[in-house]
Amino acid sequence: MYPADLVRPMRAELTAVGFEELHDVEAVEKAMKKEGTTLVVVNSVCGCAAANARPGARMSLDNSKKPDNLVTVFAGVDREATDKARSLMVPFPPSSPSMALFKDGELVHMLERHHIEGRPAEMIAENLRDAYNEYC
C-alpha cells in the first residue's frame, strides 16, 4: 500500500476534472449499476500513469461526446475496489494503469497498460475520444 500523502496529488489529477474515486467494492458495484456510459480509470503510481494515462484521460474529455460517469480506482491503494473493477474487465488481464469504457454495465472498450506505456497522452486521448464518439 502506498502512503496517502504520496498518492494524493495523483488522485487529484483525475478528481479535479470530475472523476469519482471508488474506495471499496460497494462503491464499484454502485457505480457500475448506473445507466449510460462509464469510464473506469485504474490509476497507478508508475511513470506511464503520470506521463500518459492521467493526462490522456483528462485530455479525452475535451470532446463533444463524453462518458456519463467518470470513476477511478487506485491500484496499490484501494485493493478491493481495484480487484472488483478489474473483475469487470475480463477477459483482459489485470494491468495498471488501464482504462475501460462500459455502456450500461457492459465492457465496450479497453486500454491496457501495453496500449498506454510508451504512447503519448495525445494518442491515448484520441483513442478514448474515438470510443466516446462510438458509444456515448
Protein backbone atom coordinates (compact mmCIF):
# COMPACT_ATOMS: atom_id res chain seq x y z
CA MET A 1 0.00 0.00 0.00
CA TYR A 2 1.25 3.43 -0.89
CA PRO A 3 1.12 6.27 1.66
CA ALA A 4 -1.85 8.62 1.34
CA ASP A 5 0.43 11.66 1.04
CA LEU A 6 2.22 10.11 -1.92
CA VAL A 7 -0.91 9.34 -3.94
CA ARG A 8 -2.97 12.42 -3.03
CA PRO A 9 -1.69 14.55 -5.97
CA MET A 10 -2.05 11.57 -8.33
CA ARG A 11 -5.67 11.15 -7.26
CA ALA A 12 -6.28 14.88 -7.62
CA GLU A 13 -5.23 14.85 -11.28
CA LEU A 14 -8.41 12.92 -12.03
CA THR A 15 -10.80 14.15 -9.34
CA ALA A 16 -10.09 17.76 -10.35
CA VAL A 17 -11.71 17.05 -13.74
CA GLY A 18 -14.73 15.19 -12.37
CA PHE A 19 -13.67 11.60 -11.69
CA GLU A 20 -15.23 9.98 -8.64
CA GLU A 21 -12.88 7.88 -6.52
CA LEU A 22 -14.13 4.42 -5.65
CA HIS A 23 -12.54 3.08 -2.48
CA ASP A 24 -14.40 -0.18 -1.86
CA VAL A 25 -16.31 -2.98 -3.56
CA GLU A 26 -19.71 -1.47 -2.76
CA ALA A 27 -18.77 1.82 -4.43
CA VAL A 28 -17.65 -0.01 -7.58
CA GLU A 29 -20.84 -2.08 -7.70
CA LYS A 30 -22.99 1.03 -7.24
CA ALA A 31 -21.11 2.96 -9.93
CA MET A 32 -21.38 0.15 -12.43
CA LYS A 33 -25.15 -0.11 -12.00
CA LYS A 34 -25.61 3.41 -13.37
CA GLU A 35 -27.17 3.66 -16.79
CA GLY A 36 -25.25 5.08 -19.69
CA THR A 37 -21.52 5.07 -20.25
CA THR A 38 -18.89 4.84 -17.54
CA LEU A 39 -15.16 5.34 -17.93
CA VAL A 40 -13.14 3.47 -15.31
CA VAL A 41 -9.51 4.50 -14.90
CA VAL A 42 -7.28 2.15 -12.92
CA ASN A 43 -4.80 4.70 -11.59
CA SER A 44 -1.23 3.87 -10.64
CA VAL A 45 1.95 5.41 -9.24
CA CYS A 46 4.02 4.33 -12.25
CA GLY A 47 5.62 6.73 -14.67
CA CYS A 48 3.34 5.81 -17.58
CA ALA A 49 0.32 6.73 -15.44
CA ALA A 50 1.86 10.14 -14.75
CA ALA A 51 3.11 10.86 -18.26
CA ASN A 52 0.49 9.13 -20.38
CA ALA A 53 -2.61 7.71 -18.67
CA ARG A 54 -3.82 10.52 -16.42
CA PRO A 55 -3.05 13.28 -18.95
CA GLY A 56 -4.65 11.21 -21.73
CA ALA A 57 -7.79 10.61 -19.66
CA ARG A 58 -8.07 14.32 -18.86
CA MET A 59 -7.48 15.42 -22.46
CA SER A 60 -10.03 12.90 -23.76
CA LEU A 61 -12.77 14.85 -22.02
CA ASP A 62 -12.27 17.72 -24.47
CA ASN A 63 -14.81 16.18 -26.82
CA SER A 64 -18.45 16.78 -27.72
CA LYS A 65 -19.36 13.25 -26.58
CA LYS A 66 -18.21 12.10 -23.15
CA PRO A 67 -18.99 9.30 -20.74
CA ASP A 68 -21.93 9.87 -18.44
CA ASN A 69 -19.89 8.70 -15.46
CA LEU A 70 -16.19 9.05 -14.67
CA VAL A 71 -14.74 6.84 -11.96
CA THR A 72 -11.32 5.75 -10.79
CA VAL A 73 -9.77 3.13 -8.55
CA PHE A 74 -6.15 3.25 -7.39
CA ALA A 75 -4.04 0.12 -7.79
CA GLY A 76 -1.84 -0.50 -4.78
CA VAL A 77 -4.08 1.61 -2.54
CA ASP A 78 -7.73 0.60 -2.83
CA ARG A 79 -7.07 -3.10 -3.33
CA GLU A 80 -10.60 -4.48 -3.01
CA ALA A 81 -12.11 -1.77 -5.23
CA THR A 82 -9.39 -2.30 -7.82
CA ASP A 83 -9.89 -6.08 -7.77
CA LYS A 84 -13.64 -5.63 -8.24
CA ALA A 85 -13.19 -3.18 -11.12
CA ARG A 86 -10.69 -5.50 -12.79
CA SER A 87 -13.08 -8.43 -12.45
CA LEU A 88 -15.47 -6.50 -14.70
CA MET A 89 -12.75 -6.12 -17.34
CA VAL A 90 -12.39 -9.85 -18.07
CA PRO A 91 -11.12 -11.28 -20.43
CA PHE A 92 -8.38 -8.67 -20.17
CA PRO A 93 -5.70 -9.46 -17.59
CA PRO A 94 -5.17 -7.06 -14.69
CA SER A 95 -2.92 -4.14 -15.57
CA SER A 96 -2.30 -0.69 -14.26
CA PRO A 97 -2.74 1.82 -15.45
CA SER A 98 -5.66 0.82 -17.60
CA MET A 99 -8.93 2.32 -18.80
CA ALA A 100 -12.23 0.69 -19.60
CA LEU A 101 -15.38 2.13 -21.10
CA PHE A 102 -18.66 0.46 -20.15
CA LYS A 103 -22.08 1.02 -21.63
CA ASP A 104 -24.98 0.05 -19.39
CA GLY A 105 -22.57 -2.15 -17.44
CA GLU A 106 -21.11 -3.92 -20.49
CA LEU A 107 -17.43 -3.54 -21.36
CA VAL A 108 -17.20 -1.94 -24.81
CA HIS A 109 -13.64 -0.55 -24.99
CA MET A 110 -10.40 -1.34 -23.18
CA LEU A 111 -6.96 0.23 -22.96
CA GLU A 112 -4.45 -1.99 -21.22
CA ARG A 113 -1.08 -0.89 -19.89
CA HIS A 114 0.64 -2.00 -23.12
CA HIS A 115 -1.67 0.40 -25.02
CA ILE A 116 -0.61 3.24 -22.67
CA GLU A 117 3.06 2.68 -21.89
CA GLY A 118 5.33 4.45 -24.37
CA ARG A 119 2.47 6.23 -26.14
CA PRO A 120 1.91 9.96 -25.88
CA ALA A 121 -1.05 11.25 -23.90
CA GLU A 122 -2.47 12.75 -27.08
CA MET A 123 -2.68 9.31 -28.70
CA ILE A 124 -4.43 7.88 -25.65
CA ALA A 125 -6.87 10.80 -25.63
CA GLU A 126 -7.60 10.27 -29.32
CA ASN A 127 -8.23 6.56 -28.74
CA LEU A 128 -10.68 7.36 -25.93
CA ARG A 129 -12.42 10.08 -27.96
CA ASP A 130 -12.97 7.59 -30.77
CA ALA A 131 -14.60 5.24 -28.26
CA TYR A 132 -16.75 8.08 -26.84
CA ASN A 133 -17.88 9.02 -30.33
CA GLU A 134 -18.91 5.42 -30.99
CA TYR A 135 -20.52 4.52 -27.65
CA CYS A 136 -21.53 7.74 -25.83
